[in-house]
Amino acid sequence: QVQLVESGGGLVQAGGSLRLSCAASGRTFSMAWFRQAPGKEREFVAAISWSDGRVLYADSVKGRFTISRDNAKNTVYLQMNSLKPEDTAVYSCAANSRYYGGLYYTGSLYDLWGQGTQVTVSS
């Protein structure tokens, strides 16, 4: 069973930056970041394909967040710049280990999930 381990969350002031990491213990076809704020539904943030580097972004983070991958380390990164208080949430890493080329906005299509890391942006 492939496991996902996240790191990099924390507290930052508005306008600041954080980088999240998600390391996979085995092969997956794509990985994504989702977030969930208190009292809100889980929200897609970004996703990347391992095979060709295709990326997807939520409109709310385009131009501020960048998802990238390191194939050698089996690790995906989420660089978050110009952070806003509304970015405060638990960020979770997800992976698709079943379908080659599958890259999704929908959380239910990812079969592996990390434990989540808290990101808090103060105003």
N, C-alpha and C. Protein backbone atom coordinates (compact mmCIF):
# COMPACT_ATOMS: atom_id res chain seq x y z
N GLN A 1 0.84 -1.19 0.00
CA GLN A 1 0.00 0.00 0.00
C GLN A 1 0.88 1.25 0.00
N VAL A 2 0.68 2.09 -1.00
CA VAL A 2 1.45 3.32 -1.09
C VAL A 2 0.98 4.28 -0.01
N GLN A 3 1.92 4.89 0.66
CA GLN A 3 1.59 5.89 1.68
C GLN A 3 2.06 7.26 1.24
N LEU A 4 1.32 8.27 1.68
CA LEU A 4 1.65 9.66 1.37
C LEU A 4 1.97 10.38 2.68
N VAL A 5 3.07 11.09 2.69
CA VAL A 5 3.50 11.82 3.89
C VAL A 5 3.68 13.28 3.53
N GLU A 6 2.90 14.12 4.19
CA GLU A 6 2.94 15.56 3.92
C GLU A 6 3.81 16.27 4.95
N SER A 7 4.32 17.41 4.53
CA SER A 7 5.04 18.27 5.45
C SER A 7 5.01 19.70 4.92
N GLY A 8 5.32 20.64 5.80
CA GLY A 8 5.49 22.02 5.36
C GLY A 8 4.42 23.00 5.77
N GLY A 9 3.40 22.56 6.46
CA GLY A 9 2.38 23.50 6.89
C GLY A 9 2.89 24.40 8.00
N GLY A 10 2.07 25.37 8.38
CA GLY A 10 2.46 26.27 9.45
C GLY A 10 1.65 27.54 9.46
N LEU A 11 2.16 28.50 10.21
CA LEU A 11 1.51 29.80 10.36
C LEU A 11 2.32 30.85 9.60
N VAL A 12 1.63 31.65 8.82
CA VAL A 12 2.30 32.68 8.03
C VAL A 12 1.40 33.91 7.97
N GLN A 13 2.01 35.06 7.81
CA GLN A 13 1.22 36.29 7.66
C GLN A 13 0.71 36.42 6.24
N ALA A 14 -0.37 37.14 6.09
CA ALA A 14 -0.91 37.40 4.76
C ALA A 14 0.17 38.02 3.88
N GLY A 15 0.23 37.53 2.64
CA GLY A 15 1.25 37.98 1.71
C GLY A 15 2.50 37.12 1.72
N GLY A 16 2.59 36.25 2.70
CA GLY A 16 3.76 35.39 2.82
C GLY A 16 3.66 34.14 1.96
N SER A 17 4.65 33.26 2.15
CA SER A 17 4.75 32.05 1.34
C SER A 17 4.98 30.83 2.21
N LEU A 18 4.54 29.71 1.72
CA LEU A 18 4.83 28.41 2.32
C LEU A 18 4.99 27.40 1.20
N ARG A 19 5.76 26.34 1.47
CA ARG A 19 5.87 25.25 0.52
C ARG A 19 5.49 23.95 1.21
N LEU A 20 4.52 23.27 0.63
CA LEU A 20 4.11 21.96 1.13
C LEU A 20 4.77 20.88 0.30
N SER A 21 5.07 19.77 0.96
CA SER A 21 5.65 18.61 0.28
C SER A 21 4.79 17.39 0.55
N CYS A 22 4.75 16.50 -0.43
CA CYS A 22 4.05 15.23 -0.25
C CYS A 22 4.90 14.15 -0.90
N ALA A 23 5.41 13.25 -0.08
CA ALA A 23 6.25 12.16 -0.56
C ALA A 23 5.43 10.87 -0.62
N ALA A 24 5.50 10.21 -1.78
CA ALA A 24 4.81 8.94 -1.96
C ALA A 24 5.80 7.79 -1.80
N SER A 25 5.36 6.72 -1.13
CA SER A 25 6.25 5.58 -0.87
C SER A 25 6.30 4.62 -2.03
N GLY A 26 5.46 4.82 -3.05
CA GLY A 26 5.45 3.95 -4.21
C GLY A 26 4.95 4.70 -5.44
N ARG A 27 4.72 3.94 -6.49
CA ARG A 27 4.34 4.58 -7.75
C ARG A 27 2.88 5.02 -7.74
N THR A 28 2.67 6.22 -8.25
CA THR A 28 1.32 6.71 -8.51
C THR A 28 1.32 7.38 -9.87
N PHE A 29 0.16 7.65 -10.42
CA PHE A 29 0.06 8.25 -11.75
C PHE A 29 -0.17 9.75 -11.72
N SER A 30 -0.78 10.21 -10.68
CA SER A 30 -0.98 11.65 -10.51
C SER A 30 -1.18 11.95 -9.04
N MET A 31 -0.91 13.20 -8.68
CA MET A 31 -1.08 13.62 -7.29
C MET A 31 -1.73 14.98 -7.26
N ALA A 32 -2.39 15.25 -6.15
CA ALA A 32 -3.16 16.49 -6.06
C ALA A 32 -3.14 17.00 -4.63
N TRP A 33 -3.49 18.26 -4.51
CA TRP A 33 -3.70 18.88 -3.20
C TRP A 33 -5.15 19.33 -3.10
N PHE A 34 -5.73 19.04 -1.97
CA PHE A 34 -7.06 19.53 -1.62
C PHE A 34 -6.95 20.28 -0.30
N ARG A 35 -7.94 21.07 0.00
CA ARG A 35 -7.95 21.75 1.30
C ARG A 35 -9.37 21.80 1.84
N GLN A 36 -9.44 21.88 3.15
CA GLN A 36 -10.73 21.98 3.81
C GLN A 36 -10.63 22.94 4.98
N ALA A 37 -11.41 23.99 4.90
CA ALA A 37 -11.48 24.97 5.98
C ALA A 37 -12.60 24.57 6.94
N PRO A 38 -12.54 25.02 8.18
CA PRO A 38 -13.59 24.68 9.14
C PRO A 38 -14.97 25.07 8.65
N GLY A 39 -15.88 24.12 8.69
CA GLY A 39 -17.25 24.38 8.29
C GLY A 39 -17.49 24.42 6.80
N LYS A 40 -16.45 24.12 6.04
CA LYS A 40 -16.60 24.15 4.58
C LYS A 40 -16.31 22.78 3.99
N GLU A 41 -16.74 22.59 2.75
CA GLU A 41 -16.47 21.34 2.05
C GLU A 41 -15.02 21.31 1.56
N ARG A 42 -14.55 20.10 1.35
CA ARG A 42 -13.22 19.93 0.78
C ARG A 42 -13.16 20.57 -0.61
N GLU A 43 -12.05 21.22 -0.90
CA GLU A 43 -11.91 21.99 -2.13
C GLU A 43 -10.65 21.57 -2.88
N PHE A 44 -10.76 21.39 -4.16
CA PHE A 44 -9.59 21.08 -5.01
C PHE A 44 -8.68 22.30 -5.07
N VAL A 45 -7.37 22.05 -5.03
CA VAL A 45 -6.40 23.13 -5.13
C VAL A 45 -5.56 23.00 -6.41
N ALA A 46 -4.90 21.87 -6.58
CA ALA A 46 -4.02 21.69 -7.73
C ALA A 46 -3.72 20.21 -7.91
N ALA A 47 -3.34 19.84 -9.13
CA ALA A 47 -2.98 18.45 -9.41
C ALA A 47 -1.92 18.41 -10.49
N ILE A 48 -1.14 17.31 -10.48
CA ILE A 48 -0.09 17.15 -11.48
C ILE A 48 0.03 15.70 -11.88
N SER A 49 0.31 15.48 -13.16
CA SER A 49 0.50 14.13 -13.67
C SER A 49 1.99 13.79 -13.63
N TRP A 50 2.31 12.56 -13.20
CA TRP A 50 3.71 12.17 -13.16
C TRP A 50 4.27 11.96 -14.57
N SER A 51 3.46 11.45 -15.48
CA SER A 51 3.98 11.03 -16.78
C SER A 51 4.35 12.20 -17.68
N ASP A 52 3.51 13.24 -17.73
CA ASP A 52 3.76 14.33 -18.68
C ASP A 52 3.74 15.71 -18.05
N GLY A 53 3.56 15.76 -16.73
CA GLY A 53 3.62 17.05 -16.06
C GLY A 53 2.42 17.95 -16.25
N ARG A 54 1.34 17.41 -16.82
CA ARG A 54 0.12 18.22 -16.94
C ARG A 54 -0.32 18.68 -15.56
N VAL A 55 -0.81 19.91 -15.49
CA VAL A 55 -1.24 20.45 -14.21
C VAL A 55 -2.66 21.00 -14.31
N LEU A 56 -3.32 21.01 -13.18
CA LEU A 56 -4.63 21.63 -13.03
C LEU A 56 -4.57 22.54 -11.81
N TYR A 57 -5.28 23.66 -11.87
CA TYR A 57 -5.36 24.56 -10.73
C TYR A 57 -6.80 25.00 -10.51
N ALA A 58 -7.14 25.22 -9.27
CA ALA A 58 -8.39 25.89 -8.95
C ALA A 58 -8.25 27.37 -9.31
N ASP A 59 -9.33 27.98 -9.75
CA ASP A 59 -9.27 29.40 -10.12
C ASP A 59 -8.81 30.27 -8.96
N SER A 60 -9.16 29.86 -7.76
CA SER A 60 -8.85 30.67 -6.58
C SER A 60 -7.36 30.74 -6.27
N VAL A 61 -6.57 29.84 -6.85
CA VAL A 61 -5.13 29.84 -6.54
C VAL A 61 -4.26 30.09 -7.76
N LYS A 62 -4.84 30.18 -8.94
CA LYS A 62 -4.06 30.40 -10.15
C LYS A 62 -3.26 31.69 -10.03
N GLY A 63 -2.00 31.59 -10.42
CA GLY A 63 -1.13 32.75 -10.36
C GLY A 63 -0.46 32.94 -9.01
N ARG A 64 -0.93 32.22 -7.99
CA ARG A 64 -0.33 32.33 -6.65
C ARG A 64 0.33 31.02 -6.21
N PHE A 65 -0.27 29.91 -6.57
CA PHE A 65 0.25 28.60 -6.17
C PHE A 65 0.86 27.91 -7.38
N THR A 66 1.91 27.12 -7.13
CA THR A 66 2.53 26.33 -8.18
C THR A 66 2.74 24.91 -7.68
N ILE A 67 2.25 23.96 -8.46
CA ILE A 67 2.49 22.55 -8.12
C ILE A 67 3.62 22.04 -9.00
N SER A 68 4.50 21.25 -8.42
CA SER A 68 5.62 20.70 -9.17
C SER A 68 5.95 19.32 -8.64
N ARG A 69 6.80 18.61 -9.40
CA ARG A 69 7.13 17.24 -8.99
C ARG A 69 8.62 17.00 -9.10
N ASP A 70 9.10 16.10 -8.27
CA ASP A 70 10.47 15.61 -8.35
C ASP A 70 10.37 14.10 -8.52
N ASN A 71 10.55 13.64 -9.75
CA ASN A 71 10.36 12.22 -10.03
C ASN A 71 11.34 11.35 -9.25
N ALA A 72 12.55 11.82 -9.09
CA ALA A 72 13.57 11.02 -8.41
C ALA A 72 13.22 10.80 -6.94
N LYS A 73 12.54 11.79 -6.36
CA LYS A 73 12.19 11.70 -4.93
C LYS A 73 10.75 11.26 -4.73
N ASN A 74 10.01 11.04 -5.81
CA ASN A 74 8.59 10.67 -5.70
C ASN A 74 7.83 11.68 -4.83
N THR A 75 8.16 12.93 -5.02
CA THR A 75 7.61 13.98 -4.16
C THR A 75 6.98 15.08 -5.00
N VAL A 76 5.85 15.54 -4.52
CA VAL A 76 5.15 16.66 -5.14
C VAL A 76 5.19 17.84 -4.18
N TYR A 77 5.34 19.01 -4.75
CA TYR A 77 5.42 20.23 -3.95
C TYR A 77 4.28 21.18 -4.32
N LEU A 78 3.85 21.94 -3.34
CA LEU A 78 2.90 23.02 -3.60
C LEU A 78 3.51 24.30 -3.04
N GLN A 79 3.99 25.14 -3.93
CA GLN A 79 4.54 26.43 -3.54
C GLN A 79 3.40 27.43 -3.48
N MET A 80 3.19 28.00 -2.31
CA MET A 80 2.07 28.91 -2.11
C MET A 80 2.60 30.30 -1.80
N ASN A 81 2.35 31.22 -2.72
CA ASN A 81 2.79 32.60 -2.56
C ASN A 81 1.58 33.52 -2.41
N SER A 82 1.85 34.73 -1.97
CA SER A 82 0.78 35.73 -1.79
C SER A 82 -0.40 35.16 -1.03
N LEU A 83 -0.10 34.50 0.06
CA LEU A 83 -1.15 33.82 0.82
C LEU A 83 -2.14 34.82 1.42
N LYS A 84 -3.38 34.38 1.47
CA LYS A 84 -4.47 35.19 1.99
C LYS A 84 -5.10 34.48 3.19
N PRO A 85 -5.75 35.19 4.08
CA PRO A 85 -6.42 34.53 5.20
C PRO A 85 -7.41 33.45 4.75
N GLU A 86 -8.02 33.67 3.61
CA GLU A 86 -8.98 32.66 3.11
C GLU A 86 -8.31 31.39 2.61
N ASP A 87 -6.99 31.37 2.56
CA ASP A 87 -6.27 30.13 2.23
C ASP A 87 -6.10 29.24 3.45
N THR A 88 -6.48 29.72 4.62
CA THR A 88 -6.36 28.93 5.84
C THR A 88 -7.22 27.68 5.75
N ALA A 89 -6.59 26.53 5.96
CA ALA A 89 -7.29 25.25 5.84
C ALA A 89 -6.33 24.13 6.21
N VAL A 90 -6.88 22.93 6.32
CA VAL A 90 -6.05 21.73 6.36
C VAL A 90 -5.84 21.30 4.91
N TYR A 91 -4.58 21.21 4.52
CA TYR A 91 -4.23 20.82 3.16
C TYR A 91 -3.87 19.34 3.15
N SER A 92 -4.50 18.60 2.24
CA SER A 92 -4.26 17.17 2.15
C SER A 92 -3.76 16.81 0.76
N CYS A 93 -2.82 15.90 0.76
CA CYS A 93 -2.27 15.37 -0.48
C CYS A 93 -3.06 14.13 -0.87
N ALA A 94 -3.31 13.96 -2.16
CA ALA A 94 -4.02 12.79 -2.67
C ALA A 94 -3.30 12.24 -3.88
N ALA A 95 -3.50 10.97 -4.15
CA ALA A 95 -2.84 10.34 -5.29
C ALA A 95 -3.77 9.36 -5.98
N ASN A 96 -3.56 9.28 -7.30
CA ASN A 96 -4.25 8.30 -8.13
C ASN A 96 -3.26 7.20 -8.47
N SER A 97 -3.50 6.02 -7.92
CA SER A 97 -2.59 4.90 -8.19
C SER A 97 -3.22 3.86 -9.10
N ARG A 98 -4.42 4.17 -9.65
CA ARG A 98 -5.14 3.15 -10.40
C ARG A 98 -5.15 3.37 -11.90
N TYR A 99 -5.25 4.63 -12.33
CA TYR A 99 -5.49 4.89 -13.75
C TYR A 99 -4.38 5.75 -14.34
N TYR A 100 -3.64 5.14 -15.29
CA TYR A 100 -2.56 5.86 -15.96
C TYR A 100 -3.13 7.08 -16.69
N GLY A 101 -2.53 8.22 -16.48
CA GLY A 101 -2.96 9.43 -17.15
C GLY A 101 -4.11 10.15 -16.49
N GLY A 102 -4.69 9.53 -15.47
CA GLY A 102 -5.84 10.15 -14.83
C GLY A 102 -5.43 11.37 -14.02
N LEU A 103 -6.06 12.48 -14.30
CA LEU A 103 -5.79 13.74 -13.61
C LEU A 103 -7.13 14.41 -13.36
N TYR A 104 -7.48 14.61 -12.11
CA TYR A 104 -8.85 14.93 -11.78
C TYR A 104 -8.98 16.14 -10.85
N TYR A 105 -10.14 16.80 -10.98
CA TYR A 105 -10.52 17.83 -10.03
C TYR A 105 -11.28 17.23 -8.84
N THR A 106 -11.81 16.03 -9.02
CA THR A 106 -12.71 15.42 -8.05
C THR A 106 -11.97 14.54 -7.06
N GLY A 107 -12.18 14.81 -5.79
CA GLY A 107 -11.46 14.09 -4.76
C GLY A 107 -11.74 12.60 -4.72
N SER A 108 -12.95 12.21 -5.05
CA SER A 108 -13.32 10.79 -4.96
C SER A 108 -12.60 9.93 -5.98
N LEU A 109 -11.98 10.54 -6.98
CA LEU A 109 -11.25 9.78 -8.00
C LEU A 109 -9.80 9.51 -7.59
N TYR A 110 -9.38 10.07 -6.48
CA TYR A 110 -8.05 9.76 -5.95
C TYR A 110 -8.23 8.70 -4.87
N ASP A 111 -7.39 7.66 -4.89
CA ASP A 111 -7.60 6.53 -3.99
C ASP A 111 -6.68 6.55 -2.77
N LEU A 112 -5.71 7.43 -2.77
CA LEU A 112 -4.78 7.50 -1.63
C LEU A 112 -4.78 8.91 -1.07
N TRP A 113 -4.70 9.00 0.26
CA TRP A 113 -4.73 10.30 0.91
C TRP A 113 -3.70 10.37 2.04
N GLY A 114 -3.13 11.55 2.21
CA GLY A 114 -2.25 11.80 3.32
C GLY A 114 -3.04 12.22 4.54
N GLN A 115 -2.31 12.52 5.60
CA GLN A 115 -2.96 12.82 6.87
C GLN A 115 -3.39 14.28 7.00
N GLY A 116 -2.88 15.13 6.15
CA GLY A 116 -3.24 16.54 6.18
C GLY A 116 -2.27 17.37 6.98
N THR A 117 -2.10 18.61 6.59
CA THR A 117 -1.23 19.54 7.30
C THR A 117 -1.93 20.90 7.37
N GLN A 118 -1.84 21.52 8.53
CA GLN A 118 -2.55 22.78 8.75
C GLN A 118 -1.77 23.95 8.17
N VAL A 119 -2.47 24.79 7.44
CA VAL A 119 -1.92 26.06 6.96
C VAL A 119 -2.81 27.17 7.52
N THR A 120 -2.19 28.08 8.24
CA THR A 120 -2.93 29.19 8.83
C THR A 120 -2.31 30.49 8.36
N VAL A 121 -3.13 31.35 7.78
CA VAL A 121 -2.66 32.64 7.29
C VAL A 121 -3.32 33.72 8.12
N SER A 122 -2.50 34.49 8.80
CA SER A 122 -3.03 35.54 9.67
C SER A 122 -3.11 36.86 8.91
N SER A 123 -4.09 37.67 9.26
CA SER A 123 -4.28 38.95 8.57
C SER A 123 -3.49 40.06 9.23
